[in-house]
Amino acid sequence: MKGLYHVASYQLSDAKLEIKLLNEKLVDDELKKSADLPRAFLKRKENKNLFVNPVKFRRIK
């Protein structure tokens, strides 16, 4: 199921938006159905590397 989904986290602070993508290396690639993805995610929710590749945006006036 790897590559069939996109999961992102975001944080908005001081008019700056940061988006990070789910680290697919930490999610089992043998997931059989979409309902399995949240369980796989929650198993690793405390891992600081669960979301990677931060992209930052800011408003330009």
PDB file of N, CA and C in Angstrom:
ATOM      1  N   MET A   1       0.821  -1.187   0.000  1.00  0.00           N
ATOM      2  CA  MET A   1       0.000   0.000   0.000  1.00  0.00           C
ATOM      3  C   MET A   1       0.870   1.257   0.000  1.00  0.00           C
ATOM      4  N   LYS A   2       2.147   1.092   0.197  1.00  0.00           N
ATOM      5  CA  LYS A   2       3.053   2.231   0.225  1.00  0.00           C
ATOM      6  C   LYS A   2       2.980   2.990  -1.091  1.00  0.00           C
ATOM      7  N   GLY A   3       2.983   4.308  -1.006  1.00  0.00           N
ATOM      8  CA  GLY A   3       2.920   5.135  -2.196  1.00  0.00           C
ATOM      9  C   GLY A   3       1.506   5.426  -2.662  1.00  0.00           C
ATOM     10  N   LEU A   4       0.515   4.829  -2.024  1.00  0.00           N
ATOM     11  CA  LEU A   4      -0.871   5.045  -2.422  1.00  0.00           C
ATOM     12  C   LEU A   4      -1.567   6.102  -1.578  1.00  0.00           C
ATOM     13  N   TYR A   5      -0.846   6.713  -0.681  1.00  0.00           N
ATOM     14  CA  TYR A   5      -1.447   7.689   0.215  1.00  0.00           C
ATOM     15  C   TYR A   5      -0.456   8.809   0.489  1.00  0.00           C
ATOM     16  N   HIS A   6      -0.977   9.940   0.903  1.00  0.00           N
ATOM     17  CA  HIS A   6      -0.162  11.059   1.358  1.00  0.00           C
ATOM     18  C   HIS A   6      -0.723  11.492   2.703  1.00  0.00           C
ATOM     19  N   VAL A   7       0.127  11.518   3.701  1.00  0.00           N
ATOM     20  CA  VAL A   7      -0.271  11.974   5.030  1.00  0.00           C
ATOM     21  C   VAL A   7       0.664  13.101   5.398  1.00  0.00           C
ATOM     22  N   ALA A   8       0.102  14.198   5.858  1.00  0.00           N
ATOM     23  CA  ALA A   8       0.925  15.355   6.199  1.00  0.00           C
ATOM     24  C   ALA A   8       0.500  15.903   7.548  1.00  0.00           C
ATOM     25  N   SER A   9       1.446  16.541   8.205  1.00  0.00           N
ATOM     26  CA  SER A   9       1.128  17.296   9.413  1.00  0.00           C
ATOM     27  C   SER A   9       1.395  18.752   9.091  1.00  0.00           C
ATOM     28  N   TYR A  10       0.699  19.622   9.772  1.00  0.00           N
ATOM     29  CA  TYR A  10       0.942  21.041   9.541  1.00  0.00           C
ATOM     30  C   TYR A  10       0.899  21.787  10.856  1.00  0.00           C
ATOM     31  N   GLN A  11       1.596  22.903  10.872  1.00  0.00           N
ATOM     32  CA  GLN A  11       1.592  23.777  12.039  1.00  0.00           C
ATOM     33  C   GLN A  11       1.556  25.206  11.529  1.00  0.00           C
ATOM     34  N   LEU A  12       0.638  25.980  12.042  1.00  0.00           N
ATOM     35  CA  LEU A  12       0.510  27.386  11.693  1.00  0.00           C
ATOM     36  C   LEU A  12       0.856  28.200  12.924  1.00  0.00           C
ATOM     37  N   SER A  13       1.877  29.043  12.794  1.00  0.00           N
ATOM     38  CA  SER A  13       2.332  29.835  13.926  1.00  0.00           C
ATOM     39  C   SER A  13       2.937  31.136  13.421  1.00  0.00           C
ATOM     40  N   ASP A  14       2.501  32.250  13.989  1.00  0.00           N
ATOM     41  CA  ASP A  14       3.035  33.569  13.616  1.00  0.00           C
ATOM     42  C   ASP A  14       2.983  33.795  12.113  1.00  0.00           C
ATOM     43  N   ALA A  15       1.870  33.482  11.492  1.00  0.00           N
ATOM     44  CA  ALA A  15       1.655  33.663  10.050  1.00  0.00           C
ATOM     45  C   ALA A  15       2.629  32.845   9.204  1.00  0.00           C
ATOM     46  N   LYS A  16       3.158  31.766   9.772  1.00  0.00           N
ATOM     47  CA  LYS A  16       4.041  30.858   9.037  1.00  0.00           C
ATOM     48  C   LYS A  16       3.432  29.462   9.079  1.00  0.00           C
ATOM     49  N   LEU A  17       3.431  28.822   7.941  1.00  0.00           N
ATOM     50  CA  LEU A  17       2.882  27.476   7.816  1.00  0.00           C
ATOM     51  C   LEU A  17       4.024  26.504   7.553  1.00  0.00           C
ATOM     52  N   GLU A  18       4.078  25.434   8.351  1.00  0.00           N
ATOM     53  CA  GLU A  18       5.067  24.380   8.134  1.00  0.00           C
ATOM     54  C   GLU A  18       4.326  23.077   7.866  1.00  0.00           C
ATOM     55  N   ILE A  19       4.682  22.427   6.766  1.00  0.00           N
ATOM     56  CA  ILE A  19       4.069  21.159   6.383  1.00  0.00           C
ATOM     57  C   ILE A  19       5.154  20.094   6.338  1.00  0.00           C
ATOM     58  N   LYS A  20       4.854  18.933   6.929  1.00  0.00           N
ATOM     59  CA  LYS A  20       5.774  17.792   6.907  1.00  0.00           C
ATOM     60  C   LYS A  20       5.011  16.577   6.393  1.00  0.00           C
ATOM     61  N   LEU A  21       5.715  15.718   5.664  1.00  0.00           N
ATOM     62  CA  LEU A  21       5.105  14.500   5.133  1.00  0.00           C
ATOM     63  C   LEU A  21       5.436  13.299   6.006  1.00  0.00           C
ATOM     64  N   LEU A  22       4.545  12.330   5.985  1.00  0.00           N
ATOM     65  CA  LEU A  22       4.746  11.095   6.734  1.00  0.00           C
ATOM     66  C   LEU A  22       5.991  10.378   6.229  1.00  0.00           C
ATOM     67  N   ASN A  23       6.816   9.935   7.144  1.00  0.00           N
ATOM     68  CA  ASN A  23       8.012   9.166   6.818  1.00  0.00           C
ATOM     69  C   ASN A  23       7.574   7.737   6.504  1.00  0.00           C
ATOM     70  N   GLU A  24       7.521   7.392   5.238  1.00  0.00           N
ATOM     71  CA  GLU A  24       7.026   6.077   4.823  1.00  0.00           C
ATOM     72  C   GLU A  24       7.898   4.932   5.321  1.00  0.00           C
ATOM     73  N   LYS A  25       9.136   5.227   5.687  1.00  0.00           N
ATOM     74  CA  LYS A  25      10.021   4.177   6.201  1.00  0.00           C
ATOM     75  C   LYS A  25       9.547   3.655   7.556  1.00  0.00           C
ATOM     76  N   LEU A  26       8.739   4.453   8.245  1.00  0.00           N
ATOM     77  CA  LEU A  26       8.262   4.054   9.568  1.00  0.00           C
ATOM     78  C   LEU A  26       6.889   3.395   9.538  1.00  0.00           C
ATOM     79  N   VAL A  27       6.304   3.275   8.352  1.00  0.00           N
ATOM     80  CA  VAL A  27       4.975   2.677   8.228  1.00  0.00           C
ATOM     81  C   VAL A  27       5.106   1.364   7.465  1.00  0.00           C
ATOM     82  N   ASP A  28       4.480   0.338   7.974  1.00  0.00           N
ATOM     83  CA  ASP A  28       4.525  -0.993   7.364  1.00  0.00           C
ATOM     84  C   ASP A  28       4.058  -0.938   5.909  1.00  0.00           C
ATOM     85  N   ASP A  29       4.853  -1.471   5.003  1.00  0.00           N
ATOM     86  CA  ASP A  29       4.459  -1.449   3.595  1.00  0.00           C
ATOM     87  C   ASP A  29       3.575  -2.635   3.212  1.00  0.00           C
ATOM     88  N   GLU A  30       3.158  -3.406   4.187  1.00  0.00           N
ATOM     89  CA  GLU A  30       2.276  -4.545   3.938  1.00  0.00           C
ATOM     90  C   GLU A  30       0.832  -4.247   4.350  1.00  0.00           C
ATOM     91  N   LEU A  31       0.474  -2.993   4.478  1.00  0.00           N
ATOM     92  CA  LEU A  31      -0.895  -2.642   4.845  1.00  0.00           C
ATOM     93  C   LEU A  31      -1.846  -3.136   3.759  1.00  0.00           C
ATOM     94  N   LYS A  32      -2.954  -3.711   4.166  1.00  0.00           N
ATOM     95  CA  LYS A  32      -3.895  -4.302   3.214  1.00  0.00           C
ATOM     96  C   LYS A  32      -5.054  -3.375   2.864  1.00  0.00           C
ATOM     97  N   LYS A  33      -5.437  -2.502   3.791  1.00  0.00           N
ATOM     98  CA  LYS A  33      -6.563  -1.604   3.528  1.00  0.00           C
ATOM     99  C   LYS A  33      -6.322  -0.269   4.207  1.00  0.00           C
ATOM    100  N   SER A  34      -7.038   0.736   3.777  1.00  0.00           N
ATOM    101  CA  SER A  34      -6.814   2.087   4.290  1.00  0.00           C
ATOM    102  C   SER A  34      -7.078   2.193   5.790  1.00  0.00           C
ATOM    103  N   ALA A  35      -7.937   1.347   6.330  1.00  0.00           N
ATOM    104  CA  ALA A  35      -8.218   1.378   7.770  1.00  0.00           C
ATOM    105  C   ALA A  35      -6.996   0.985   8.594  1.00  0.00           C
ATOM    106  N   ASP A  36      -6.051   0.281   7.987  1.00  0.00           N
ATOM    107  CA  ASP A  36      -4.831  -0.119   8.694  1.00  0.00           C
ATOM    108  C   ASP A  36      -3.859   1.043   8.869  1.00  0.00           C
ATOM    109  N   LEU A  37      -3.950   2.050   8.021  1.00  0.00           N
ATOM    110  CA  LEU A  37      -3.012   3.170   8.073  1.00  0.00           C
ATOM    111  C   LEU A  37      -3.076   3.933   9.394  1.00  0.00           C
ATOM    112  N   PRO A  38      -4.256   4.308   9.894  1.00  0.00           N
ATOM    113  CA  PRO A  38      -4.278   5.013  11.187  1.00  0.00           C
ATOM    114  C   PRO A  38      -3.666   4.198  12.323  1.00  0.00           C
ATOM    115  N   ARG A  39      -3.885   2.898  12.328  1.00  0.00           N
ATOM    116  CA  ARG A  39      -3.295   2.061  13.376  1.00  0.00           C
ATOM    117  C   ARG A  39      -1.769   2.068  13.278  1.00  0.00           C
ATOM    118  N   ALA A  40      -1.249   1.976  12.067  1.00  0.00           N
ATOM    119  CA  ALA A  40       0.203   2.002  11.868  1.00  0.00           C
ATOM    120  C   ALA A  40       0.772   3.352  12.295  1.00  0.00           C
ATOM    121  N   PHE A  41       0.060   4.405  11.987  1.00  0.00           N
ATOM    122  CA  PHE A  41       0.465   5.756  12.362  1.00  0.00           C
ATOM    123  C   PHE A  41       0.483   5.909  13.885  1.00  0.00           C
ATOM    124  N   LEU A  42      -0.567   5.465  14.552  1.00  0.00           N
ATOM    125  CA  LEU A  42      -0.670   5.623  16.003  1.00  0.00           C
ATOM    126  C   LEU A  42       0.370   4.798  16.753  1.00  0.00           C
ATOM    127  N   LYS A  43       0.810   3.685  16.171  1.00  0.00           N
ATOM    128  CA  LYS A  43       1.855   2.880  16.804  1.00  0.00           C
ATOM    129  C   LYS A  43       3.159   3.661  16.927  1.00  0.00           C
ATOM    130  N   ARG A  44       3.366   4.628  16.045  1.00  0.00           N
ATOM    131  CA  ARG A  44       4.633   5.368  16.011  1.00  0.00           C
ATOM    132  C   ARG A  44       4.462   6.855  16.286  1.00  0.00           C
ATOM    133  N   LYS A  45       3.334   7.243  16.845  1.00  0.00           N
ATOM    134  CA  LYS A  45       3.036   8.667  17.011  1.00  0.00           C
ATOM    135  C   LYS A  45       4.048   9.411  17.876  1.00  0.00           C
ATOM    136  N   GLU A  46       4.778   8.741  18.733  1.00  0.00           N
ATOM    137  CA  GLU A  46       5.770   9.397  19.589  1.00  0.00           C
ATOM    138  C   GLU A  46       7.143   9.516  18.925  1.00  0.00           C
ATOM    139  N   ASN A  47       7.320   8.906  17.778  1.00  0.00           N
ATOM    140  CA  ASN A  47       8.609   8.945  17.082  1.00  0.00           C
ATOM    141  C   ASN A  47       8.812  10.330  16.471  1.00  0.00           C
ATOM    142  N   LYS A  48       9.888  11.007  16.838  1.00  0.00           N
ATOM    143  CA  LYS A  48      10.127  12.373  16.352  1.00  0.00           C
ATOM    144  C   LYS A  48      10.410  12.414  14.852  1.00  0.00           C
ATOM    145  N   ASN A  49      10.692  11.263  14.245  1.00  0.00           N
ATOM    146  CA  ASN A  49      10.956  11.201  12.806  1.00  0.00           C
ATOM    147  C   ASN A  49       9.749  10.720  12.003  1.00  0.00           C
ATOM    148  N   LEU A  50       8.574  10.700  12.630  1.00  0.00           N
ATOM    149  CA  LEU A  50       7.382  10.222  11.937  1.00  0.00           C
ATOM    150  C   LEU A  50       7.038  11.119  10.753  1.00  0.00           C
ATOM    151  N   PHE A  51       7.240  12.411  10.910  1.00  0.00           N
ATOM    152  CA  PHE A  51       7.010  13.358   9.825  1.00  0.00           C
ATOM    153  C   PHE A  51       8.330  14.018   9.475  1.00  0.00           C
ATOM    154  N   VAL A  52       8.613  14.107   8.174  1.00  0.00           N
ATOM    155  CA  VAL A  52       9.915  14.578   7.702  1.00  0.00           C
ATOM    156  C   VAL A  52       9.752  15.588   6.563  1.00  0.00           C
ATOM    157  N   ASN A  53      10.870  16.088   6.106  1.00  0.00           N
ATOM    158  CA  ASN A  53      10.933  17.005   4.966  1.00  0.00           C
ATOM    159  C   ASN A  53      10.063  18.249   5.164  1.00  0.00           C
ATOM    160  N   PRO A  54      10.345  19.028   6.192  1.00  0.00           N
ATOM    161  CA  PRO A  54       9.532  20.213   6.433  1.00  0.00           C
ATOM    162  C   PRO A  54       9.643  21.227   5.293  1.00  0.00           C
ATOM    163  N   VAL A  55       8.506  21.781   4.936  1.00  0.00           N
ATOM    164  CA  VAL A  55       8.429  22.858   3.951  1.00  0.00           C
ATOM    165  C   VAL A  55       7.755  24.017   4.660  1.00  0.00           C
ATOM    166  N   LYS A  56       8.368  25.194   4.582  1.00  0.00           N
ATOM    167  CA  LYS A  56       7.842  26.349   5.307  1.00  0.00           C
ATOM    168  C   LYS A  56       7.354  27.409   4.333  1.00  0.00           C
ATOM    169  N   PHE A  57       6.211  27.985   4.670  1.00  0.00           N
ATOM    170  CA  PHE A  57       5.603  29.041   3.871  1.00  0.00           C
ATOM    171  C   PHE A  57       5.346  30.231   4.780  1.00  0.00           C
ATOM    172  N   ARG A  58       5.455  31.406   4.208  1.00  0.00           N
ATOM    173  CA  ARG A  58       5.109  32.612   4.961  1.00  0.00           C
ATOM    174  C   ARG A  58       4.368  33.562   4.044  1.00  0.00           C
ATOM    175  N   ARG A  59       3.563  34.375   4.643  1.00  0.00           N
ATOM    176  CA  ARG A  59       2.776  35.340   3.884  1.00  0.00           C
ATOM    177  C   ARG A  59       3.661  36.518   3.500  1.00  0.00           C
ATOM    178  N   ILE A  60       3.562  36.917   2.259  1.00  0.00           N
ATOM    179  CA  ILE A  60       4.282  38.100   1.781  1.00  0.00           C
ATOM    180  C   ILE A  60       3.247  39.179   1.527  1.00  0.00           C
ATOM    181  N   LYS A  61       3.463  40.307   2.138  1.00  0.00           N
ATOM    182  CA  LYS A  61       2.500  41.414   1.983  1.00  0.00           C
ATOM    183  C   LYS A  61       2.968  42.395   0.947  1.00  0.00           C
TER     184      LYS A  61
END
